[in-house]
C-alpha atoms as a PDB file:
ATOM      1  CA  MET A   1       0.003   0.046  -0.018  1.00  0.00           C
ATOM      2  CA  LYS A   2       2.865   2.340   0.913  1.00  0.00           C
ATOM      3  CA  ARG A   3       4.618   1.602  -2.363  1.00  0.00           C
ATOM      4  CA  PHE A   4       1.375   2.275  -4.300  1.00  0.00           C
ATOM      5  CA  PHE A   5       0.967   5.677  -2.498  1.00  0.00           C
ATOM      6  CA  LEU A   6       4.499   6.727  -3.245  1.00  0.00           C
ATOM      7  CA  THR A   7       4.115   5.717  -6.892  1.00  0.00           C
ATOM      8  CA  PHE A   8       0.819   7.664  -7.105  1.00  0.00           C
ATOM      9  CA  LEU A   9       2.479  10.679  -5.446  1.00  0.00           C
ATOM     10  CA  GLY A  10       5.369  10.557  -7.829  1.00  0.00           C
ATOM     11  CA  LEU A  11       2.968  10.422 -10.850  1.00  0.00           C
ATOM     12  CA  MET A  12       1.104  13.450  -9.525  1.00  0.00           C
ATOM     13  CA  LEU A  13       4.251  15.421  -9.148  1.00  0.00           C
ATOM     14  CA  MET A  14       5.116  14.578 -12.708  1.00  0.00           C
ATOM     15  CA  VAL A  15       1.659  15.683 -13.955  1.00  0.00           C
ATOM     16  CA  GLN A  16       1.542  19.040 -12.178  1.00  0.00           C
ATOM     17  CA  PRO A  17       4.307  20.677 -14.300  1.00  0.00           C
ATOM     18  CA  VAL A  18       2.492  19.506 -17.441  1.00  0.00           C
ATOM     19  CA  LEU A  19      -0.773  21.060 -16.294  1.00  0.00           C
ATOM     20  CA  ALA A  20       0.994  24.268 -15.436  1.00  0.00           C
ATOM     21  CA  ALA A  21       2.927  24.321 -18.699  1.00  0.00           C
ATOM     22  CA  LYS A  22       0.015  25.776 -20.651  1.00  0.00           C
ATOM     23  CA  GLY A  23       0.840  29.068 -19.015  1.00  0.00           C
ATOM     24  CA  LYS A  24      -0.921  32.203 -17.809  1.00  0.00           C
ATOM     25  CA  VAL A  25      -3.284  34.445 -19.760  1.00  0.00           C
ATOM     26  CA  ARG A  26      -3.857  38.017 -18.732  1.00  0.00           C
ATOM     27  CA  MET A  27      -7.085  39.775 -19.777  1.00  0.00           C
ATOM     28  CA  ALA A  28      -8.119  43.391 -19.239  1.00  0.00           C
ATOM     29  CA  TYR A  29     -11.574  44.809 -19.457  1.00  0.00           C
ATOM     30  CA  VAL A  30     -13.424  48.076 -18.783  1.00  0.00           C
ATOM     31  CA  GLU A  31     -15.856  47.869 -15.886  1.00  0.00           C
ATOM     32  CA  TRP A  32     -19.058  47.723 -17.905  1.00  0.00           C
ATOM     33  CA  ASP A  33     -21.559  44.927 -17.330  1.00  0.00           C
ATOM     34  CA  CYS A  34     -21.281  43.598 -20.882  1.00  0.00           C
ATOM     35  CA  ALA A  35     -17.504  43.544 -20.648  1.00  0.00           C
ATOM     36  CA  LEU A  36     -17.639  41.836 -17.255  1.00  0.00           C
ATOM     37  CA  ALA A  37     -19.963  39.107 -18.630  1.00  0.00           C
ATOM     38  CA  SER A  38     -17.878  38.440 -21.721  1.00  0.00           C
ATOM     39  CA  THR A  39     -14.576  38.451 -19.784  1.00  0.00           C
ATOM     40  CA  MET A  40     -15.666  36.025 -17.014  1.00  0.00           C
ATOM     41  CA  VAL A  41     -17.126  33.581 -19.590  1.00  0.00           C
ATOM     42  CA  ALA A  42     -13.873  33.722 -21.645  1.00  0.00           C
ATOM     43  CA  LYS A  43     -11.832  33.209 -18.433  1.00  0.00           C
ATOM     44  CA  ALA A  44     -13.881  30.134 -17.475  1.00  0.00           C
ATOM     45  CA  ALA A  45     -13.462  28.598 -20.907  1.00  0.00           C
ATOM     46  CA  LEU A  46      -9.677  29.194 -20.949  1.00  0.00           C
ATOM     47  CA  GLU A  47      -9.388  27.720 -17.491  1.00  0.00           C
ATOM     48  CA  LYS A  48     -11.285  24.636 -18.774  1.00  0.00           C
ATOM     49  CA  MET A  49      -8.558  24.422 -21.468  1.00  0.00           C
ATOM     50  CA  GLY A  50      -5.913  24.264 -18.787  1.00  0.00           C
ATOM     51  CA  TYR A  51      -4.703  27.915 -18.512  1.00  0.00           C
ATOM     52  CA  GLU A  52      -4.280  30.120 -15.543  1.00  0.00           C
ATOM     53  CA  VAL A  53      -6.234  33.315 -16.225  1.00  0.00           C
ATOM     54  CA  GLU A  54      -5.847  36.688 -14.558  1.00  0.00           C
ATOM     55  CA  THR A  55      -8.491  39.374 -15.219  1.00  0.00           C
ATOM     56  CA  LEU A  56      -7.807  43.090 -14.691  1.00  0.00           C
ATOM     57  CA  PRO A  57     -10.624  45.620 -14.475  1.00  0.00           C
ATOM     58  CA  VAL A  58      -9.254  48.991 -15.580  1.00  0.00           C
ATOM     59  CA  ALA A  59     -10.203  52.178 -17.406  1.00  0.00           C
ATOM     60  CA  ALA A  60     -10.326  52.087 -21.183  1.00  0.00           C
ATOM     61  CA  ALA A  61      -7.112  54.051 -21.654  1.00  0.00           C
ATOM     62  CA  ALA A  62      -5.261  51.680 -19.265  1.00  0.00           C
ATOM     63  CA  MET A  63      -6.754  48.616 -20.992  1.00  0.00           C
ATOM     64  CA  TRP A  64      -5.434  49.673 -24.429  1.00  0.00           C
ATOM     65  CA  GLN A  65      -2.091  50.838 -22.984  1.00  0.00           C
ATOM     66  CA  ALA A  66      -1.572  47.354 -21.337  1.00  0.00           C
ATOM     67  CA  LEU A  67      -2.386  45.661 -24.670  1.00  0.00           C
ATOM     68  CA  GLY A  68       0.074  47.908 -26.449  1.00  0.00           C
ATOM     69  CA  THR A  69       2.926  47.203 -24.047  1.00  0.00           C
ATOM     70  CA  GLY A  70       2.170  43.455 -23.940  1.00  0.00           C
ATOM     71  CA  ASN A  71       1.398  43.550 -20.216  1.00  0.00           C
ATOM     72  CA  VAL A  72      -1.856  41.902 -20.993  1.00  0.00           C
ATOM     73  CA  ASP A  73      -2.594  39.355 -23.713  1.00  0.00           C
ATOM     74  CA  ALA A  74      -6.145  40.192 -24.756  1.00  0.00           C
ATOM     75  CA  THR A  75      -9.372  42.021 -24.257  1.00  0.00           C
ATOM     76  CA  VAL A  76     -12.898  41.106 -25.318  1.00  0.00           C
ATOM     77  CA  ALA A  77     -14.172  44.573 -24.571  1.00  0.00           C
ATOM     78  CA  ALA A  78     -12.954  46.788 -27.442  1.00  0.00           C
ATOM     79  CA  TRP A  79     -15.654  49.137 -28.765  1.00  0.00           C
ATOM     80  CA  LEU A  80     -15.137  49.916 -32.449  1.00  0.00           C
ATOM     81  CA  PRO A  81     -15.115  51.654 -34.835  1.00  0.00           C
ATOM     82  CA  ASN A  82     -15.958  54.816 -32.825  1.00  0.00           C
ATOM     83  CA  THR A  83     -15.790  54.647 -29.080  1.00  0.00           C
ATOM     84  CA  HIS A  84     -12.199  53.272 -28.820  1.00  0.00           C
ATOM     85  CA  ALA A  85     -10.978  54.620 -32.147  1.00  0.00           C
ATOM     86  CA  ASP A  86      -8.385  56.924 -30.756  1.00  0.00           C
ATOM     87  CA  TYR A  87      -6.843  54.132 -28.704  1.00  0.00           C
ATOM     88  CA  LEU A  88      -6.702  51.775 -31.690  1.00  0.00           C
ATOM     89  CA  ALA A  89      -5.220  54.498 -33.924  1.00  0.00           C
ATOM     90  CA  ARG A  90      -2.268  55.009 -31.565  1.00  0.00           C
ATOM     91  CA  LEU A  91      -1.577  51.320 -30.975  1.00  0.00           C
ATOM     92  CA  ARG A  92      -2.484  49.791 -34.353  1.00  0.00           C
ATOM     93  CA  ASP A  93       0.993  48.346 -34.928  1.00  0.00           C
ATOM     94  CA  LYS A  94       1.112  46.750 -31.498  1.00  0.00           C
ATOM     95  CA  VAL A  95      -2.305  45.055 -31.327  1.00  0.00           C
ATOM     96  CA  GLU A  96      -4.395  42.811 -33.548  1.00  0.00           C
ATOM     97  CA  GLN A  97      -8.154  42.702 -34.004  1.00  0.00           C
ATOM     98  CA  VAL A  98      -9.183  39.022 -34.126  1.00  0.00           C
ATOM     99  CA  SER A  99     -12.941  38.604 -33.706  1.00  0.00           C
ATOM    100  CA  ILE A 100     -16.308  40.286 -33.257  1.00  0.00           C
ATOM    101  CA  VAL A 101     -17.654  39.462 -29.818  1.00  0.00           C
ATOM    102  CA  THR A 102     -21.075  40.940 -30.677  1.00  0.00           C
ATOM    103  CA  GLY A 103     -22.603  43.321 -33.124  1.00  0.00           C
ATOM    104  CA  GLY A 104     -25.481  45.721 -32.763  1.00  0.00           C
ATOM    105  CA  ALA A 105     -23.730  47.759 -30.036  1.00  0.00           C
ATOM    106  CA  LYS A 106     -24.616  51.403 -29.461  1.00  0.00           C
ATOM    107  CA  ILE A 107     -23.704  54.295 -27.174  1.00  0.00           C
ATOM    108  CA  GLY A 108     -25.655  57.435 -26.444  1.00  0.00           C
ATOM    109  CA  TRP A 109     -27.589  59.453 -23.970  1.00  0.00           C
ATOM    110  CA  VAL A 110     -30.555  57.831 -22.345  1.00  0.00           C
ATOM    111  CA  VAL A 111     -33.651  59.052 -20.606  1.00  0.00           C
ATOM    112  CA  PRO A 112     -36.697  57.308 -19.111  1.00  0.00           C
ATOM    113  CA  SER A 113     -39.486  56.838 -21.719  1.00  0.00           C
ATOM    114  CA  TYR A 114     -41.759  59.119 -19.683  1.00  0.00           C
ATOM    115  CA  VAL A 115     -39.467  62.140 -20.377  1.00  0.00           C
ATOM    116  CA  PRO A 116     -41.254  63.884 -23.264  1.00  0.00           C
ATOM    117  CA  ILE A 117     -38.241  64.940 -25.297  1.00  0.00           C
ATOM    118  CA  SER A 118     -36.565  63.007 -28.102  1.00  0.00           C
ATOM    119  CA  SER A 119     -33.350  64.776 -29.046  1.00  0.00           C
ATOM    120  CA  ILE A 120     -30.158  66.037 -27.599  1.00  0.00           C
ATOM    121  CA  GLU A 121     -31.110  69.406 -29.157  1.00  0.00           C
ATOM    122  CA  GLU A 122     -33.932  69.743 -26.652  1.00  0.00           C
ATOM    123  CA  LEU A 123     -31.710  69.437 -23.504  1.00  0.00           C
ATOM    124  CA  ASN A 124     -30.822  73.092 -23.103  1.00  0.00           C
ATOM    125  CA  ALA A 125     -34.522  74.169 -23.009  1.00  0.00           C
ATOM    126  CA  ASN A 126     -35.117  71.653 -20.266  1.00  0.00           C
ATOM    127  CA  ALA A 127     -31.769  71.766 -18.424  1.00  0.00           C
ATOM    128  CA  ASP A 128     -33.351  72.682 -15.046  1.00  0.00           C
ATOM    129  CA  ARG A 129     -35.604  69.624 -15.187  1.00  0.00           C
ATOM    130  CA  PHE A 130     -32.449  67.471 -15.427  1.00  0.00           C
ATOM    131  CA  ASN A 131     -30.796  69.379 -12.571  1.00  0.00           C
ATOM    132  CA  ASN A 132     -28.357  70.732 -15.175  1.00  0.00           C
ATOM    133  CA  GLU A 133     -26.548  67.407 -15.202  1.00  0.00           C
ATOM    134  CA  ILE A 134     -25.764  64.437 -17.425  1.00  0.00           C
ATOM    135  CA  ILE A 135     -24.927  61.430 -15.333  1.00  0.00           C
ATOM    136  CA  GLY A 136     -21.793  59.787 -16.660  1.00  0.00           C
ATOM    137  CA  ILE A 137     -19.468  56.840 -15.963  1.00  0.00           C
ATOM    138  CA  ASP A 138     -15.752  56.538 -15.391  1.00  0.00           C
ATOM    139  CA  PRO A 139     -13.870  59.522 -16.853  1.00  0.00           C
ATOM    140  CA  GLY A 140     -11.484  57.376 -18.907  1.00  0.00           C
ATOM    141  CA  ALA A 141     -14.278  55.779 -20.967  1.00  0.00           C
ATOM    142  CA  GLY A 142     -14.552  56.517 -24.718  1.00  0.00           C
ATOM    143  CA  LEU A 143     -18.244  57.209 -24.101  1.00  0.00           C
ATOM    144  CA  MET A 144     -17.251  60.106 -21.774  1.00  0.00           C
ATOM    145  CA  ARG A 145     -14.762  61.475 -24.308  1.00  0.00           C
ATOM    146  CA  LEU A 146     -17.467  61.523 -26.998  1.00  0.00           C
ATOM    147  CA  SER A 147     -19.974  63.013 -24.469  1.00  0.00           C
ATOM    148  CA  GLU A 148     -17.592  65.906 -23.743  1.00  0.00           C
ATOM    149  CA  GLN A 149     -17.398  66.550 -27.492  1.00  0.00           C
ATOM    150  CA  ALA A 150     -21.239  66.442 -27.700  1.00  0.00           C
ATOM    151  CA  LEU A 151     -21.442  69.085 -24.913  1.00  0.00           C
ATOM    152  CA  LYS A 152     -19.310  71.371 -27.164  1.00  0.00           C
ATOM    153  CA  ASP A 153     -20.943  70.628 -30.494  1.00  0.00           C
ATOM    154  CA  TYR A 154     -24.464  71.089 -29.183  1.00  0.00           C
ATOM    155  CA  ASP A 155     -23.350  74.073 -27.025  1.00  0.00           C
ATOM    156  CA  LEU A 156     -25.084  72.506 -24.026  1.00  0.00           C
ATOM    157  CA  LYS A 157     -25.318  74.233 -20.573  1.00  0.00           C
ATOM    158  CA  LEU A 158     -25.399  70.951 -18.655  1.00  0.00           C
ATOM    159  CA  GLU A 159     -22.538  69.458 -16.759  1.00  0.00           C
ATOM    160  CA  LEU A 160     -21.228  65.901 -17.394  1.00  0.00           C
ATOM    161  CA  VAL A 161     -20.805  64.198 -14.024  1.00  0.00           C
ATOM    162  CA  ASP A 162     -18.061  61.563 -13.645  1.00  0.00           C
ATOM    163  CA  GLY A 163     -18.868  58.316 -11.866  1.00  0.00           C
ATOM    164  CA  SER A 164     -19.015  54.618 -12.813  1.00  0.00           C
ATOM    165  CA  GLY A 165     -21.407  52.188 -14.431  1.00  0.00           C
ATOM    166  CA  ALA A 166     -22.668  51.268 -10.979  1.00  0.00           C
ATOM    167  CA  THR A 167     -23.288  54.878  -9.809  1.00  0.00           C
ATOM    168  CA  MET A 168     -24.940  55.695 -13.137  1.00  0.00           C
ATOM    169  CA  THR A 169     -27.449  52.854 -12.875  1.00  0.00           C
ATOM    170  CA  ALA A 170     -28.046  53.658  -9.142  1.00  0.00           C
ATOM    171  CA  ALA A 171     -28.896  57.301 -10.050  1.00  0.00           C
ATOM    172  CA  LEU A 172     -31.190  56.084 -12.787  1.00  0.00           C
ATOM    173  CA  ALA A 173     -33.007  53.697 -10.459  1.00  0.00           C
ATOM    174  CA  ASP A 174     -33.574  56.443  -7.881  1.00  0.00           C
ATOM    175  CA  ALA A 175     -34.963  58.840 -10.490  1.00  0.00           C
ATOM    176  CA  LEU A 176     -37.309  56.131 -11.924  1.00  0.00           C
ATOM    177  CA  LYS A 177     -38.865  55.485  -8.491  1.00  0.00           C
ATOM    178  CA  SER A 178     -40.352  59.007  -8.420  1.00  0.00           C
ATOM    179  CA  LYS A 179     -40.473  59.661 -12.147  1.00  0.00           C
ATOM    180  CA  LYS A 180     -37.893  62.357 -11.995  1.00  0.00           C
ATOM    181  CA  TRP A 181     -36.178  63.608 -15.172  1.00  0.00           C
ATOM    182  CA  ILE A 182     -32.658  62.239 -15.701  1.00  0.00           C
ATOM    183  CA  VAL A 183     -30.304  61.841 -18.618  1.00  0.00           C
ATOM    184  CA  VAL A 184     -27.427  59.320 -18.406  1.00  0.00           C
ATOM    185  CA  THR A 185     -24.646  58.083 -20.633  1.00  0.00           C
ATOM    186  CA  GLY A 186     -25.760  54.650 -21.751  1.00  0.00           C
ATOM    187  CA  TRP A 187     -24.960  51.790 -24.078  1.00  0.00           C
ATOM    188  CA  THR A 188     -26.300  48.644 -25.542  1.00  0.00           C
ATOM    189  CA  PRO A 189     -25.977  45.805 -24.681  1.00  0.00           C
ATOM    190  CA  HIS A 190     -26.843  46.603 -21.119  1.00  0.00           C
ATOM    191  CA  TRP A 191     -29.208  44.927 -18.661  1.00  0.00           C
ATOM    192  CA  MET A 192     -30.932  48.235 -17.802  1.00  0.00           C
ATOM    193  CA  PHE A 193     -32.774  48.165 -21.120  1.00  0.00           C
ATOM    194  CA  GLY A 194     -34.351  44.881 -20.187  1.00  0.00           C
ATOM    195  CA  LYS A 195     -35.303  46.055 -16.731  1.00  0.00           C
ATOM    196  CA  TRP A 196     -36.667  49.553 -17.357  1.00  0.00           C
ATOM    197  CA  ASP A 197     -38.512  51.428 -20.015  1.00  0.00           C
ATOM    198  CA  LEU A 198     -35.837  53.724 -21.542  1.00  0.00           C
ATOM    199  CA  LYS A 199     -35.033  55.444 -24.781  1.00  0.00           C
ATOM    200  CA  TYR A 200     -31.958  56.970 -26.509  1.00  0.00           C
ATOM    201  CA  LEU A 201     -32.116  60.642 -27.393  1.00  0.00           C
ATOM    202  CA  ASP A 202     -31.638  61.374 -31.056  1.00  0.00           C
ATOM    203  CA  ASP A 203     -28.195  62.623 -31.928  1.00  0.00           C
ATOM    204  CA  PRO A 204     -28.748  64.509 -35.224  1.00  0.00           C
ATOM    205  CA  LYS A 205     -25.115  65.570 -35.481  1.00  0.00           C
ATOM    206  CA  GLY A 206     -23.858  62.052 -35.050  1.00  0.00           C
ATOM    207  CA  VAL A 207     -21.317  63.026 -32.350  1.00  0.00           C
ATOM    208  CA  LEU A 208     -21.812  59.842 -30.348  1.00  0.00           C
ATOM    209  CA  GLY A 209     -21.490  57.653 -33.443  1.00  0.00           C
ATOM    210  CA  GLY A 210     -23.660  55.021 -34.988  1.00  0.00           C
ATOM    211  CA  GLU A 211     -23.883  51.282 -34.588  1.00  0.00           C
ATOM    212  CA  GLU A 212     -20.854  49.672 -33.065  1.00  0.00           C
ATOM    213  CA  ARG A 213     -19.395  46.238 -32.448  1.00  0.00           C
ATOM    214  CA  ILE A 214     -17.501  44.806 -29.562  1.00  0.00           C
ATOM    215  CA  GLU A 215     -14.326  43.039 -30.614  1.00  0.00           C
ATOM    216  CA  ALA A 216     -11.652  40.847 -29.179  1.00  0.00           C
ATOM    217  CA  VAL A 217      -8.213  42.414 -29.479  1.00  0.00           C
ATOM    218  CA  VAL A 218      -4.934  40.731 -28.668  1.00  0.00           C
ATOM    219  CA  ARG A 219      -1.362  41.859 -28.282  1.00  0.00           C
ATOM    220  CA  LYS A 220       0.990  41.418 -31.250  1.00  0.00           C
ATOM    221  CA  GLY A 221       3.031  38.204 -30.808  1.00  0.00           C
ATOM    222  CA  LEU A 222       0.288  36.181 -29.067  1.00  0.00           C
ATOM    223  CA  LYS A 223      -0.133  33.967 -32.221  1.00  0.00           C
ATOM    224  CA  THR A 224       3.504  32.948 -31.918  1.00  0.00           C
ATOM    225  CA  ASP A 225       3.769  32.740 -28.183  1.00  0.00           C
ATOM    226  CA  MET A 226       0.452  31.038 -27.423  1.00  0.00           C
ATOM    227  CA  PRO A 227      -1.168  29.735 -30.600  1.00  0.00           C
ATOM    228  CA  GLU A 228      -3.959  27.892 -28.904  1.00  0.00           C
ATOM    229  CA  VAL A 229      -4.966  31.017 -26.983  1.00  0.00           C
ATOM    230  CA  TYR A 230      -4.809  33.084 -30.131  1.00  0.00           C
ATOM    231  CA  THR A 231      -7.160  30.589 -31.829  1.00  0.00           C
ATOM    232  CA  PHE A 232      -9.538  30.860 -28.858  1.00  0.00           C
ATOM    233  CA  PHE A 233      -9.831  34.567 -29.020  1.00  0.00           C
ATOM    234  CA  SER A 234     -10.110  34.429 -32.865  1.00  0.00           C
ATOM    235  CA  ASN A 235     -13.173  32.164 -32.395  1.00  0.00           C
ATOM    236  CA  PHE A 236     -14.596  33.960 -29.397  1.00  0.00           C
ATOM    237  CA  GLY A 237     -17.944  35.648 -29.954  1.00  0.00           C
ATOM    238  CA  TRP A 238     -21.498  35.313 -28.726  1.00  0.00           C
ATOM    239  CA  ASP A 239     -23.922  33.336 -30.972  1.00  0.00           C
ATOM    240  CA  SER A 240     -26.320  36.345 -30.721  1.00  0.00           C
ATOM    241  CA  PRO A 241     -26.651  39.582 -28.799  1.00  0.00           C
ATOM    242  CA  GLN A 242     -29.389  37.937 -26.795  1.00  0.00           C
ATOM    243  CA  GLN A 243     -26.945  35.358 -25.467  1.00  0.00           C
ATOM    244  CA  LEU A 244     -24.884  38.081 -23.946  1.00  0.00           C
ATOM    245  CA  GLN A 245     -27.950  39.868 -22.571  1.00  0.00           C
ATOM    246  CA  MET A 246     -28.951  36.560 -20.945  1.00  0.00           C
ATOM    247  CA  VAL A 247     -25.607  36.200 -19.056  1.00  0.00           C
ATOM    248  CA  MET A 248     -25.893  39.902 -17.989  1.00  0.00           C
ATOM    249  CA  ALA A 249     -29.328  39.171 -16.679  1.00  0.00           C
ATOM    250  CA  TRP A 250     -28.034  36.187 -14.718  1.00  0.00           C
ATOM    251  CA  ASN A 251     -25.524  38.466 -13.098  1.00  0.00           C
ATOM    252  CA  GLN A 252     -28.221  40.861 -11.984  1.00  0.00           C
ATOM    253  CA  ASP A 253     -30.551  38.110 -10.763  1.00  0.00           C
ATOM    254  CA  GLY A 254     -28.025  36.417  -8.414  1.00  0.00           C
ATOM    255  CA  GLY A 255     -24.785  34.490  -8.256  1.00  0.00           C
ATOM    256  CA  THR A 256     -21.370  35.826  -8.955  1.00  0.00           C
ATOM    257  CA  PRO A 257     -20.185  36.538 -12.529  1.00  0.00           C
ATOM    258  CA  GLU A 258     -17.740  33.577 -12.068  1.00  0.00           C
ATOM    259  CA  GLU A 259     -20.568  31.253 -11.040  1.00  0.00           C
ATOM    260  CA  ASN A 260     -22.739  32.361 -13.899  1.00  0.00           C
ATOM    261  CA  ALA A 261     -19.789  31.898 -16.321  1.00  0.00           C
ATOM    262  CA  GLN A 262     -19.600  28.250 -15.239  1.00  0.00           C
ATOM    263  CA  ARG A 263     -23.362  27.954 -15.705  1.00  0.00           C
ATOM    264  CA  PHE A 264     -22.821  29.170 -19.307  1.00  0.00           C
ATOM    265  CA  LEU A 265     -20.245  26.578 -19.986  1.00  0.00           C
ATOM    266  CA  LYS A 266     -22.529  23.814 -18.756  1.00  0.00           C
ATOM    267  CA  GLU A 267     -25.600  24.995 -20.620  1.00  0.00           C
ATOM    268  CA  TYR A 268     -24.076  25.987 -23.907  1.00  0.00           C
ATOM    269  CA  PRO A 269     -21.314  23.444 -24.668  1.00  0.00           C
ATOM    270  CA  ASP A 270     -21.584  23.784 -28.450  1.00  0.00           C
ATOM    271  CA  THR A 271     -20.779  27.489 -28.246  1.00  0.00           C
ATOM    272  CA  VAL A 272     -17.857  26.850 -25.914  1.00  0.00           C
ATOM    273  CA  ASN A 273     -16.543  24.039 -28.166  1.00  0.00           C
ATOM    274  CA  ARG A 274     -16.670  26.381 -31.174  1.00  0.00           C
ATOM    275  CA  TRP A 275     -14.480  28.913 -29.246  1.00  0.00           C
ATOM    276  CA  MET A 276     -11.984  26.125 -28.421  1.00  0.00           C
ATOM    277  CA  GLY A 277     -11.861  25.087 -32.081  1.00  0.00           C
ATOM    278  CA  LYS A 278     -13.358  21.637 -31.501  1.00  0.00           C
END
């Protein structure tokens, strides 16, 4: 029995380096709910493939900078062609766009449907009803950069208030309880559109851009260094925008994003196998 145990222990010690040999993957993401959902599911799938995965929640500028320097291997949270256009332009020779995570994405300014205006051009005339504020997210986000430009282009008298995705949705929830007027920086896909009756304000000057897509972007050299990981990110993408919305809804309903990522792996094996190239 003792000999068997020692033999088993020896085999385990031999196996451990093999398991660890697949290496470590570092992913960065902006702290938006859609980015969190995509990143945690990608992390769970890569771990299933035998990789150690570290995820880093950062501002958009830091995410792109880390990709450009090679400090992280990938992101599945790049908003293109508009929101993150400046970052990509500066780092184009250091990163590679490899897949579309989901299409049909959009950014803009959002109000509750009971607010009887339909365009950004109507904000100045109703500024006091909005407490002279537009509730924003983290100051490093591309949405905030474009929102600052919209303030100038429309000559608006409102102030753009920095915050985060969480503080923005909290302010929106509070306003909805008493049917107060509020305008927030928003984006699709986002769980708030499934929970509340909201609408985008028209942007006749097109400052906030049109339809966007969320892409997976990797550092240059990943294909050579970690070809299996490169293939995974090249295949990574939701089967439909509704699939992403579903995981985001799970995260709101209960359970951690990590637990819900494992749930997705179990319930949608065909999607996961496609990402893995099986």
